[in-house]
Amino acid sequence: MAISLSLITTILLAVVAISSVGYVLLFIKPTKKVLLLRERDHRGTTLSVTQETDLAITCKAVKDVTHRFIKYGASFIFNEGGRMVTRFFGAEGTAYTTIATIPEAIQISVAEFIESIWGTQFYETIPEKQRKMIEEDRVGITIDFKKVDPEAEDLPTLTASNINDENEQVVLNKIAKPMKASTSQSLMNSITMLIVGAGLMYFLVRQGYI
């Protein structure tokens, strides 16, 4: 059964239209992310925002753990190939922590705090979903970036001479590395030749040639 040219054209146009819509949804549709900065090990994680309010941000769960952020710092808009990506910079914090300073500093989780003031019997009546939110979810805060004052932080002044010295050190290291490798290789070759020569001499002596 022959397929008419108009039907083929219609199918091709439909495919193009569907592909265009998919491209728009996947690559052009604006999206929001939180770049979670981990100061302890200098690592970072990119989290997708699922809900945003005037006060807080909720992100897509990662390994069954949901991250929530209190909005404090500003967001930044990036244009990535025509796609507008709004990014917040966040850090894990202690928003759900209370600190008692007498007789000594004590940190407790929000779950422990609620249980202590409402009682264990009431706490156990809290629905599982809500209990998971306060027991397992991670809480952080979005942050702003602030210019550092070198004098206030007691940092050394950076001069053109410092930069030149560092550049020279980098160049010297790049030159020295292959030279060091070459020297090590030459040393290994010499040791190998000595071992081979000693073995050959031992063989000749044992055979009575010397």
N, C-alpha and C. Protein backbone atom coordinates (compact mmCIF):
# COMPACT_ATOMS: atom_id res chain seq x y z
N MET A 1 0.85 -1.19 0.00
CA MET A 1 0.00 0.00 0.00
C MET A 1 0.89 1.25 0.00
N ALA A 2 0.79 2.08 -1.02
CA ALA A 2 1.65 3.24 -1.19
C ALA A 2 1.25 4.34 -0.22
N ILE A 3 2.27 5.04 0.28
CA ILE A 3 2.03 6.17 1.18
C ILE A 3 2.16 7.45 0.38
N SER A 4 1.18 8.31 0.48
CA SER A 4 1.18 9.53 -0.30
C SER A 4 2.25 10.49 0.19
N LEU A 5 2.70 11.36 -0.70
CA LEU A 5 3.73 12.34 -0.37
C LEU A 5 3.25 13.31 0.71
N SER A 6 1.98 13.66 0.67
CA SER A 6 1.45 14.59 1.66
C SER A 6 1.47 13.99 3.06
N LEU A 7 1.22 12.65 3.16
CA LEU A 7 1.25 11.98 4.46
C LEU A 7 2.66 11.95 5.02
N ILE A 8 3.63 11.67 4.13
CA ILE A 8 5.03 11.65 4.56
C ILE A 8 5.45 13.03 5.04
N THR A 9 5.02 14.07 4.31
CA THR A 9 5.35 15.45 4.70
C THR A 9 4.74 15.80 6.05
N THR A 10 3.49 15.36 6.26
CA THR A 10 2.82 15.63 7.53
C THR A 10 3.54 14.97 8.69
N ILE A 11 3.97 13.71 8.48
CA ILE A 11 4.69 12.98 9.53
C ILE A 11 6.01 13.66 9.87
N LEU A 12 6.73 14.09 8.82
CA LEU A 12 8.01 14.76 9.04
C LEU A 12 7.82 16.07 9.79
N LEU A 13 6.78 16.83 9.42
CA LEU A 13 6.51 18.09 10.12
C LEU A 13 6.15 17.85 11.58
N ALA A 14 5.37 16.77 11.82
CA ALA A 14 5.01 16.44 13.20
C ALA A 14 6.24 16.08 14.03
N VAL A 15 7.17 15.32 13.43
CA VAL A 15 8.40 14.95 14.13
C VAL A 15 9.23 16.18 14.45
N VAL A 16 9.33 17.09 13.46
CA VAL A 16 10.09 18.32 13.68
C VAL A 16 9.45 19.15 14.79
N ALA A 17 8.12 19.25 14.79
CA ALA A 17 7.42 20.02 15.80
C ALA A 17 7.64 19.44 17.19
N ILE A 18 7.52 18.12 17.31
CA ILE A 18 7.72 17.46 18.61
C ILE A 18 9.15 17.65 19.09
N SER A 19 10.10 17.53 18.17
CA SER A 19 11.51 17.71 18.54
C SER A 19 11.78 19.13 19.00
N SER A 20 11.15 20.09 18.33
CA SER A 20 11.34 21.50 18.70
C SER A 20 10.79 21.77 20.10
N VAL A 21 9.61 21.23 20.38
CA VAL A 21 9.02 21.40 21.70
C VAL A 21 9.90 20.76 22.77
N GLY A 22 10.39 19.55 22.47
CA GLY A 22 11.27 18.88 23.43
C GLY A 22 12.54 19.66 23.67
N TYR A 23 13.10 20.25 22.61
CA TYR A 23 14.31 21.05 22.75
C TYR A 23 14.06 22.25 23.64
N VAL A 24 12.92 22.91 23.42
CA VAL A 24 12.58 24.08 24.22
C VAL A 24 12.43 23.69 25.69
N LEU A 25 11.74 22.57 25.94
CA LEU A 25 11.50 22.14 27.32
C LEU A 25 12.79 21.74 28.02
N LEU A 26 13.71 21.09 27.27
CA LEU A 26 14.91 20.56 27.90
C LEU A 26 16.05 21.56 27.96
N PHE A 27 16.20 22.38 26.92
CA PHE A 27 17.40 23.20 26.82
C PHE A 27 17.16 24.71 26.89
N ILE A 28 15.96 25.17 26.67
CA ILE A 28 15.71 26.61 26.66
C ILE A 28 14.88 27.04 27.86
N LYS A 29 14.05 26.14 28.37
CA LYS A 29 13.20 26.49 29.51
C LYS A 29 14.05 26.95 30.69
N PRO A 30 13.74 28.10 31.26
CA PRO A 30 14.52 28.59 32.42
C PRO A 30 14.51 27.57 33.55
N THR A 31 15.59 27.49 34.26
CA THR A 31 15.69 26.55 35.37
C THR A 31 16.42 27.20 36.53
N LYS A 32 16.29 26.62 37.70
CA LYS A 32 16.91 27.16 38.90
C LYS A 32 17.75 26.07 39.58
N LYS A 33 18.93 26.45 40.03
CA LYS A 33 19.85 25.53 40.67
C LYS A 33 20.41 26.15 41.95
N VAL A 34 20.85 25.29 42.85
CA VAL A 34 21.60 25.74 44.03
C VAL A 34 22.97 25.06 43.98
N LEU A 35 24.01 25.87 44.01
CA LEU A 35 25.37 25.33 44.08
C LEU A 35 25.76 25.24 45.55
N LEU A 36 25.73 24.02 46.07
CA LEU A 36 26.03 23.81 47.49
C LEU A 36 27.54 23.73 47.67
N LEU A 37 28.09 24.66 48.41
CA LEU A 37 29.54 24.70 48.65
C LEU A 37 29.85 24.01 49.97
N ARG A 38 30.76 23.04 49.93
CA ARG A 38 31.15 22.32 51.13
C ARG A 38 32.54 22.80 51.54
N GLU A 39 32.58 23.66 52.53
CA GLU A 39 33.84 24.27 52.94
C GLU A 39 34.78 23.27 53.58
N ARG A 40 34.24 22.23 54.20
CA ARG A 40 35.07 21.27 54.93
C ARG A 40 36.06 20.56 54.02
N ASP A 41 35.60 20.10 52.84
CA ASP A 41 36.47 19.35 51.94
C ASP A 41 36.63 20.03 50.58
N HIS A 42 36.19 21.29 50.49
CA HIS A 42 36.34 22.08 49.26
C HIS A 42 35.72 21.36 48.06
N ARG A 43 34.53 20.84 48.25
CA ARG A 43 33.78 20.21 47.17
C ARG A 43 32.45 20.92 47.00
N GLY A 44 31.77 20.63 45.92
CA GLY A 44 30.49 21.26 45.66
C GLY A 44 29.51 20.29 45.04
N THR A 45 28.22 20.60 45.18
CA THR A 45 27.16 19.77 44.62
C THR A 45 26.13 20.69 43.98
N THR A 46 25.65 20.33 42.79
CA THR A 46 24.62 21.09 42.11
C THR A 46 23.27 20.46 42.39
N LEU A 47 22.33 21.23 42.92
CA LEU A 47 21.01 20.74 43.28
C LEU A 47 19.95 21.46 42.47
N SER A 48 18.94 20.72 42.02
CA SER A 48 17.84 21.30 41.24
C SER A 48 16.75 21.79 42.18
N VAL A 49 16.29 23.00 41.94
CA VAL A 49 15.24 23.60 42.77
C VAL A 49 13.88 23.08 42.33
N THR A 50 13.11 22.57 43.27
CA THR A 50 11.76 22.08 42.98
C THR A 50 10.69 23.05 43.48
N GLN A 51 11.02 23.85 44.48
CA GLN A 51 10.05 24.79 45.03
C GLN A 51 10.78 25.99 45.63
N GLU A 52 10.24 27.18 45.37
CA GLU A 52 10.84 28.40 45.90
C GLU A 52 9.75 29.31 46.46
N THR A 53 9.99 29.81 47.65
CA THR A 53 9.08 30.79 48.25
C THR A 53 9.89 32.04 48.57
N ASP A 54 9.24 33.00 49.18
CA ASP A 54 9.95 34.23 49.55
C ASP A 54 11.01 33.98 50.60
N LEU A 55 10.87 32.91 51.37
CA LEU A 55 11.77 32.67 52.49
C LEU A 55 12.67 31.46 52.32
N ALA A 56 12.27 30.50 51.49
CA ALA A 56 13.02 29.25 51.47
C ALA A 56 13.05 28.63 50.08
N ILE A 57 13.96 27.66 49.93
CA ILE A 57 14.13 26.90 48.69
C ILE A 57 14.17 25.43 49.04
N THR A 58 13.44 24.62 48.29
CA THR A 58 13.48 23.17 48.44
C THR A 58 14.06 22.58 47.17
N CYS A 59 14.98 21.64 47.32
CA CYS A 59 15.66 21.04 46.18
C CYS A 59 15.25 19.58 45.99
N LYS A 60 15.50 19.09 44.78
CA LYS A 60 15.20 17.70 44.46
C LYS A 60 16.04 16.78 45.33
N ALA A 61 15.42 15.72 45.82
CA ALA A 61 16.11 14.81 46.73
C ALA A 61 17.29 14.13 46.03
N VAL A 62 18.39 13.99 46.74
CA VAL A 62 19.57 13.29 46.25
C VAL A 62 19.86 12.16 47.23
N LYS A 63 19.79 10.92 46.75
CA LYS A 63 19.97 9.74 47.60
C LYS A 63 19.01 9.79 48.78
N ASP A 64 17.75 10.12 48.48
CA ASP A 64 16.66 10.16 49.46
C ASP A 64 16.84 11.24 50.52
N VAL A 65 17.74 12.18 50.29
CA VAL A 65 17.93 13.29 51.23
C VAL A 65 17.54 14.58 50.53
N THR A 66 16.62 15.33 51.13
CA THR A 66 16.17 16.61 50.58
C THR A 66 16.93 17.76 51.25
N HIS A 67 17.39 18.67 50.43
CA HIS A 67 18.09 19.86 50.94
C HIS A 67 17.13 21.04 50.90
N ARG A 68 17.08 21.78 51.99
CA ARG A 68 16.25 22.98 52.08
C ARG A 68 17.16 24.15 52.49
N PHE A 69 16.90 25.30 51.87
CA PHE A 69 17.75 26.46 52.13
C PHE A 69 16.90 27.66 52.53
N ILE A 70 17.37 28.37 53.53
CA ILE A 70 16.77 29.64 53.90
C ILE A 70 17.36 30.70 52.97
N LYS A 71 16.51 31.49 52.31
CA LYS A 71 16.99 32.48 51.35
C LYS A 71 17.56 33.69 52.09
N TYR A 72 18.84 33.86 51.90
CA TYR A 72 19.51 35.02 52.48
C TYR A 72 20.32 35.74 51.42
N GLY A 73 21.17 34.98 50.70
CA GLY A 73 21.98 35.57 49.65
C GLY A 73 21.22 35.71 48.34
N ALA A 74 21.73 36.56 47.47
CA ALA A 74 21.08 36.82 46.18
C ALA A 74 21.33 35.68 45.19
N SER A 75 20.50 35.63 44.16
CA SER A 75 20.68 34.67 43.08
C SER A 75 21.41 35.35 41.92
N PHE A 76 22.00 34.52 41.05
CA PHE A 76 22.73 35.02 39.88
C PHE A 76 22.18 34.32 38.64
N ILE A 77 21.99 35.09 37.57
CA ILE A 77 21.42 34.53 36.34
C ILE A 77 22.53 34.31 35.33
N PHE A 78 22.61 33.08 34.79
CA PHE A 78 23.59 32.71 33.79
C PHE A 78 22.87 32.43 32.46
N ASN A 79 23.45 32.89 31.36
CA ASN A 79 22.93 32.58 30.04
C ASN A 79 23.80 31.48 29.44
N GLU A 80 23.27 30.28 29.38
CA GLU A 80 24.02 29.13 28.90
C GLU A 80 23.39 28.61 27.62
N GLY A 81 23.95 29.03 26.49
CA GLY A 81 23.45 28.59 25.20
C GLY A 81 22.01 29.00 24.95
N GLY A 82 21.63 30.17 25.41
CA GLY A 82 20.27 30.63 25.23
C GLY A 82 19.33 30.23 26.34
N ARG A 83 19.80 29.43 27.27
CA ARG A 83 18.97 28.99 28.40
C ARG A 83 19.31 29.82 29.63
N MET A 84 18.29 30.39 30.24
CA MET A 84 18.51 31.20 31.42
C MET A 84 18.51 30.30 32.67
N VAL A 85 19.64 30.26 33.34
CA VAL A 85 19.78 29.43 34.54
C VAL A 85 20.00 30.35 35.74
N THR A 86 19.09 30.28 36.69
CA THR A 86 19.21 31.06 37.93
C THR A 86 19.91 30.20 38.97
N ARG A 87 21.00 30.71 39.51
CA ARG A 87 21.77 29.95 40.48
C ARG A 87 21.86 30.69 41.82
N PHE A 88 21.62 29.91 42.87
CA PHE A 88 21.88 30.38 44.23
C PHE A 88 23.14 29.68 44.71
N PHE A 89 23.92 30.35 45.52
CA PHE A 89 25.07 29.72 46.16
C PHE A 89 24.69 29.47 47.61
N GLY A 90 24.86 28.22 48.04
CA GLY A 90 24.42 27.85 49.38
C GLY A 90 25.49 27.12 50.16
N ALA A 91 25.30 27.11 51.45
CA ALA A 91 26.20 26.38 52.34
C ALA A 91 25.37 25.70 53.41
N GLU A 92 25.81 24.51 53.82
CA GLU A 92 25.11 23.81 54.88
C GLU A 92 25.25 24.60 56.18
N GLY A 93 24.15 24.75 56.87
CA GLY A 93 24.18 25.55 58.09
C GLY A 93 23.57 24.84 59.27
N THR A 94 23.25 25.60 60.28
CA THR A 94 22.64 25.05 61.50
C THR A 94 21.37 25.82 61.81
N ALA A 95 20.54 26.02 60.79
CA ALA A 95 19.32 26.81 60.97
C ALA A 95 18.37 26.13 61.96
N TYR A 96 18.37 24.81 61.98
CA TYR A 96 17.49 24.08 62.88
C TYR A 96 18.28 23.55 64.07
N THR A 97 19.02 24.42 64.70
CA THR A 97 19.85 24.01 65.84
C THR A 97 19.70 25.04 66.94
N THR A 98 19.61 24.58 68.15
CA THR A 98 19.57 25.50 69.28
C THR A 98 20.82 25.26 70.13
N ILE A 99 21.38 26.31 70.66
CA ILE A 99 22.62 26.21 71.42
C ILE A 99 22.39 26.72 72.85
N ALA A 100 22.70 25.88 73.81
CA ALA A 100 22.61 26.27 75.22
C ALA A 100 24.02 26.59 75.70
N THR A 101 24.23 27.76 76.24
CA THR A 101 25.58 28.18 76.64
C THR A 101 25.87 27.90 78.12
N ILE A 102 24.87 27.47 78.87
CA ILE A 102 25.07 27.19 80.28
C ILE A 102 24.65 25.75 80.56
N PRO A 103 25.45 24.91 81.20
CA PRO A 103 26.80 25.22 81.67
C PRO A 103 27.86 25.14 80.58
N GLU A 104 27.53 24.54 79.43
CA GLU A 104 28.48 24.46 78.34
C GLU A 104 27.70 24.42 77.03
N ALA A 105 28.39 24.70 75.93
CA ALA A 105 27.74 24.73 74.62
C ALA A 105 27.26 23.33 74.24
N ILE A 106 25.98 23.23 73.90
CA ILE A 106 25.38 21.95 73.50
C ILE A 106 24.59 22.18 72.21
N GLN A 107 24.78 21.34 71.23
CA GLN A 107 24.04 21.42 69.98
C GLN A 107 23.10 20.23 69.87
N ILE A 108 21.83 20.51 69.59
CA ILE A 108 20.87 19.43 69.41
C ILE A 108 20.10 19.67 68.13
N SER A 109 19.60 18.59 67.55
CA SER A 109 18.85 18.70 66.30
C SER A 109 17.44 19.21 66.58
N VAL A 110 16.76 19.61 65.50
CA VAL A 110 15.40 20.09 65.67
C VAL A 110 14.49 18.98 66.18
N ALA A 111 14.76 17.74 65.75
CA ALA A 111 13.95 16.61 66.22
C ALA A 111 14.08 16.44 67.73
N GLU A 112 15.32 16.53 68.23
CA GLU A 112 15.55 16.40 69.67
C GLU A 112 14.92 17.57 70.42
N PHE A 113 14.99 18.76 69.81
CA PHE A 113 14.42 19.94 70.45
C PHE A 113 12.90 19.83 70.59
N ILE A 114 12.24 19.42 69.48
CA ILE A 114 10.78 19.27 69.51
C ILE A 114 10.37 18.20 70.51
N GLU A 115 11.10 17.09 70.49
CA GLU A 115 10.77 16.00 71.41
C GLU A 115 10.94 16.43 72.85
N SER A 116 11.94 17.29 73.12
CA SER A 116 12.19 17.69 74.49
C SER A 116 11.12 18.65 75.02
N ILE A 117 10.57 19.52 74.13
CA ILE A 117 9.59 20.50 74.61
C ILE A 117 8.15 20.00 74.47
N TRP A 118 7.89 19.06 73.55
CA TRP A 118 6.53 18.56 73.36
C TRP A 118 6.32 17.18 73.98
N GLY A 119 7.46 16.52 74.30
CA GLY A 119 7.34 15.20 74.91
C GLY A 119 7.41 14.09 73.88
N THR A 120 7.96 12.95 74.30
CA THR A 120 8.13 11.82 73.39
C THR A 120 6.79 11.29 72.90
N GLN A 121 5.79 11.24 73.76
CA GLN A 121 4.49 10.69 73.39
C GLN A 121 3.86 11.49 72.23
N PHE A 122 3.93 12.82 72.30
CA PHE A 122 3.38 13.64 71.23
C PHE A 122 4.24 13.52 69.98
N TYR A 123 5.55 13.50 70.16
CA TYR A 123 6.47 13.44 69.01
C TYR A 123 6.20 12.19 68.16
N GLU A 124 5.88 11.09 68.80
CA GLU A 124 5.63 9.85 68.07
C GLU A 124 4.33 9.88 67.29
N THR A 125 3.47 10.85 67.56
CA THR A 125 2.22 10.98 66.80
C THR A 125 2.39 11.81 65.53
N ILE A 126 3.55 12.41 65.35
CA ILE A 126 3.80 13.21 64.14
C ILE A 126 3.85 12.27 62.93
N PRO A 127 3.15 12.57 61.83
CA PRO A 127 3.17 11.71 60.64
C PRO A 127 4.60 11.45 60.15
N GLU A 128 4.80 10.28 59.57
CA GLU A 128 6.14 9.85 59.16
C GLU A 128 6.79 10.83 58.19
N LYS A 129 6.00 11.38 57.25
CA LYS A 129 6.56 12.30 56.25
C LYS A 129 7.14 13.54 56.93
N GLN A 130 6.40 14.11 57.87
CA GLN A 130 6.86 15.31 58.56
C GLN A 130 8.06 14.99 59.48
N ARG A 131 8.03 13.82 60.10
CA ARG A 131 9.16 13.45 60.95
C ARG A 131 10.43 13.29 60.12
N LYS A 132 10.29 12.72 58.92
CA LYS A 132 11.46 12.55 58.05
C LYS A 132 12.03 13.91 57.66
N MET A 133 11.14 14.90 57.45
CA MET A 133 11.59 16.23 57.04
C MET A 133 12.47 16.88 58.10
N ILE A 134 12.20 16.62 59.36
CA ILE A 134 12.99 17.26 60.42
C ILE A 134 14.12 16.36 60.91
N GLU A 135 14.07 15.09 60.59
CA GLU A 135 15.10 14.16 61.06
C GLU A 135 16.20 13.92 60.03
N GLU A 136 15.84 13.89 58.73
CA GLU A 136 16.79 13.48 57.70
C GLU A 136 17.15 14.58 56.72
N ASP A 137 16.27 15.53 56.48
CA ASP A 137 16.56 16.56 55.48
C ASP A 137 17.72 17.45 55.94
N ARG A 138 18.46 17.94 54.95
CA ARG A 138 19.58 18.84 55.23
C ARG A 138 19.11 20.29 55.10
N VAL A 139 19.58 21.11 56.00
CA VAL A 139 19.19 22.51 55.99
C VAL A 139 20.43 23.37 55.76
N GLY A 140 20.30 24.35 54.88
CA GLY A 140 21.42 25.25 54.60
C GLY A 140 20.90 26.67 54.46
N ILE A 141 21.74 27.52 53.91
CA ILE A 141 21.37 28.91 53.72
C ILE A 141 22.07 29.43 52.48
N THR A 142 21.35 30.21 51.66
CA THR A 142 21.99 30.81 50.49
C THR A 142 22.88 31.95 50.95
N ILE A 143 23.95 32.18 50.21
CA ILE A 143 24.98 33.11 50.67
C ILE A 143 25.30 34.15 49.61
N ASP A 144 25.84 35.26 50.06
CA ASP A 144 26.36 36.31 49.19
C ASP A 144 27.88 36.28 49.23
N PHE A 145 28.49 36.92 48.23
CA PHE A 145 29.94 37.01 48.18
C PHE A 145 30.37 38.42 48.57
N LYS A 146 31.39 38.50 49.39
CA LYS A 146 31.86 39.78 49.90
C LYS A 146 33.34 39.94 49.59
N LYS A 147 33.69 41.13 49.12
CA LYS A 147 35.09 41.42 48.81
C LYS A 147 35.91 41.45 50.09
N VAL A 148 37.06 40.80 50.05
CA VAL A 148 37.91 40.72 51.24
C VAL A 148 38.80 41.95 51.31
N ASP A 149 38.89 42.52 52.49
CA ASP A 149 39.80 43.64 52.74
C ASP A 149 41.14 43.07 53.21
N PRO A 150 42.18 43.17 52.37
CA PRO A 150 43.47 42.55 52.72
C PRO A 150 44.02 43.04 54.06
N GLU A 151 43.84 44.32 54.37
CA GLU A 151 44.38 44.86 55.62
C GLU A 151 43.63 44.30 56.82
N ALA A 152 42.30 44.21 56.70
CA ALA A 152 41.50 43.69 57.81
C ALA A 152 41.80 42.22 58.05
N GLU A 153 42.08 41.48 56.98
CA GLU A 153 42.37 40.04 57.11
C GLU A 153 43.85 39.78 57.33
N ASP A 154 44.65 40.85 57.42
CA ASP A 154 46.09 40.72 57.63
C ASP A 154 46.74 39.88 56.54
N LEU A 155 46.36 40.15 55.29
CA LEU A 155 46.92 39.43 54.16
C LEU A 155 48.08 40.22 53.56
N PRO A 156 49.11 39.54 53.06
CA PRO A 156 50.24 40.26 52.44
C PRO A 156 49.79 40.95 51.16
N THR A 157 50.40 42.09 50.88
CA THR A 157 50.07 42.84 49.67
C THR A 157 50.66 42.14 48.45
N LEU A 158 49.86 41.96 47.43
CA LEU A 158 50.30 41.29 46.21
C LEU A 158 50.83 42.34 45.23
N THR A 159 52.09 42.18 44.82
CA THR A 159 52.70 43.14 43.90
C THR A 159 53.06 42.44 42.60
N ALA A 160 53.44 43.26 41.60
CA ALA A 160 53.86 42.71 40.32
C ALA A 160 55.09 41.83 40.49
N SER A 161 55.96 42.20 41.42
CA SER A 161 57.16 41.41 41.69
C SER A 161 56.81 40.03 42.20
N ASN A 162 55.79 39.95 43.10
CA ASN A 162 55.35 38.64 43.60
C ASN A 162 54.85 37.76 42.47
N ILE A 163 54.07 38.36 41.57
CA ILE A 163 53.52 37.60 40.45
C ILE A 163 54.64 37.11 39.54
N ASN A 164 55.61 37.96 39.25
CA ASN A 164 56.73 37.56 38.39
C ASN A 164 57.54 36.44 39.03
N ASP A 165 57.76 36.55 40.34
CA ASP A 165 58.51 35.49 41.03
C ASP A 165 57.77 34.16 40.94
N GLU A 166 56.46 34.21 41.11
CA GLU A 166 55.67 32.97 41.03
C GLU A 166 55.70 32.40 39.62
N ASN A 167 55.58 33.27 38.61
CA ASN A 167 55.63 32.80 37.23
C ASN A 167 56.97 32.15 36.92
N GLU A 168 58.05 32.77 37.41
CA GLU A 168 59.37 32.21 37.18
C GLU A 168 59.51 30.85 37.85
N GLN A 169 58.94 30.71 39.05
CA GLN A 169 59.00 29.44 39.75
C GLN A 169 58.25 28.36 39.00
N VAL A 170 57.09 28.73 38.42
CA VAL A 170 56.32 27.77 37.62
C VAL A 170 57.11 27.32 36.42
N VAL A 171 57.75 28.27 35.73
CA VAL A 171 58.55 27.93 34.54
C VAL A 171 59.70 27.02 34.92
N LEU A 172 60.41 27.37 36.02
CA LEU A 172 61.53 26.54 36.46
C LEU A 172 61.09 25.13 36.81
N ASN A 173 59.92 25.00 37.44
CA ASN A 173 59.41 23.68 37.79
C ASN A 173 59.12 22.86 36.54
N LYS A 174 58.56 23.53 35.52
CA LYS A 174 58.26 22.82 34.27
C LYS A 174 59.53 22.37 33.57
N ILE A 175 60.59 23.19 33.68
CA ILE A 175 61.86 22.81 33.06
C ILE A 175 62.54 21.71 33.86
N ALA A 176 62.47 21.84 35.19
CA ALA A 176 63.19 20.90 36.05
C ALA A 176 62.56 19.51 36.04
N LYS A 177 61.24 19.43 35.85
CA LYS A 177 60.57 18.14 35.91
C LYS A 177 61.09 17.18 34.83
N PRO A 178 61.11 17.58 33.53
CA PRO A 178 61.65 16.63 32.52
C PRO A 178 63.13 16.36 32.71
N MET A 179 63.89 17.39 33.20
CA MET A 179 65.32 17.17 33.44
C MET A 179 65.52 16.15 34.55
N LYS A 180 64.70 16.25 35.59
CA LYS A 180 64.78 15.29 36.69
C LYS A 180 64.44 13.90 36.22
N ALA A 181 63.38 13.82 35.37
CA ALA A 181 63.00 12.51 34.83
C ALA A 181 64.11 11.95 33.95
N SER A 182 64.76 12.84 33.16
CA SER A 182 65.84 12.39 32.29
C SER A 182 67.03 11.91 33.10
N THR A 183 67.35 12.64 34.18
CA THR A 183 68.46 12.24 35.04
C THR A 183 68.18 10.89 35.70
N SER A 184 66.94 10.70 36.16
CA SER A 184 66.56 9.43 36.79
C SER A 184 66.67 8.29 35.79
N GLN A 185 66.25 8.55 34.54
CA GLN A 185 66.32 7.50 33.52
C GLN A 185 67.77 7.15 33.20
N SER A 186 68.62 8.18 33.13
CA SER A 186 70.04 7.93 32.86
C SER A 186 70.67 7.11 33.97
N LEU A 187 70.31 7.45 35.22
CA LEU A 187 70.84 6.71 36.36
C LEU A 187 70.40 5.25 36.32
N MET A 188 69.12 5.01 35.98
CA MET A 188 68.63 3.64 35.88
C MET A 188 69.34 2.88 34.77
N ASN A 189 69.60 3.56 33.65
CA ASN A 189 70.32 2.91 32.54
C ASN A 189 71.74 2.53 32.96
N SER A 190 72.39 3.44 33.70
CA SER A 190 73.76 3.16 34.14
C SER A 190 73.79 1.97 35.10
N ILE A 191 72.85 1.95 36.05
CA ILE A 191 72.79 0.83 37.00
C ILE A 191 72.52 -0.48 36.27
N THR A 192 71.63 -0.44 35.28
CA THR A 192 71.33 -1.64 34.51
C THR A 192 72.56 -2.15 33.78
N MET A 193 73.32 -1.23 33.16
CA MET A 193 74.54 -1.63 32.45
C MET A 193 75.57 -2.22 33.39
N LEU A 194 75.68 -1.65 34.60
CA LEU A 194 76.63 -2.19 35.59
C LEU A 194 76.24 -3.61 35.99
N ILE A 195 74.95 -3.84 36.20
CA ILE A 195 74.50 -5.17 36.60
C ILE A 195 74.76 -6.17 35.49
N VAL A 196 74.44 -5.76 34.24
CA VAL A 196 74.68 -6.65 33.10
C VAL A 196 76.16 -6.95 32.95
N GLY A 197 77.02 -5.90 33.11
CA GLY A 197 78.47 -6.09 32.99
C GLY A 197 79.00 -7.01 34.07
N ALA A 198 78.51 -6.82 35.31
CA ALA A 198 78.96 -7.68 36.41
C ALA A 198 78.54 -9.12 36.17
N GLY A 199 77.34 -9.32 35.66
CA GLY A 199 76.87 -10.68 35.38
C GLY A 199 77.70 -11.34 34.29
N LEU A 200 78.00 -10.57 33.26
CA LEU A 200 78.82 -11.11 32.17
C LEU A 200 80.21 -11.47 32.65
N MET A 201 80.80 -10.60 33.47
CA MET A 201 82.13 -10.89 34.01
C MET A 201 82.11 -12.15 34.87
N TYR A 202 81.08 -12.30 35.69
CA TYR A 202 80.96 -13.49 36.53
C TYR A 202 80.86 -14.76 35.67
N PHE A 203 80.11 -14.67 34.59
CA PHE A 203 79.95 -15.81 33.69
C PHE A 203 81.29 -16.17 33.04
N LEU A 204 82.04 -15.18 32.57
CA LEU A 204 83.33 -15.45 31.91
C LEU A 204 84.31 -16.08 32.87
N VAL A 205 84.33 -15.56 34.13
CA VAL A 205 85.23 -16.13 35.14
C VAL A 205 84.88 -17.57 35.45
N ARG A 206 83.60 -17.86 35.57
CA ARG A 206 83.15 -19.22 35.89
C ARG A 206 83.48 -20.20 34.77
N GLN A 207 83.48 -19.70 33.54
CA GLN A 207 83.77 -20.56 32.38
C GLN A 207 85.26 -20.68 32.10
N GLY A 208 86.07 -19.91 32.83
CA GLY A 208 87.51 -20.01 32.66
C GLY A 208 88.07 -19.16 31.52
N TYR A 209 87.23 -18.29 30.98
CA TYR A 209 87.76 -17.45 29.90
C TYR A 209 88.64 -16.33 30.43
N ILE A 210 88.51 -16.03 31.70
CA ILE A 210 89.37 -14.98 32.28
C ILE A 210 90.05 -15.55 33.52
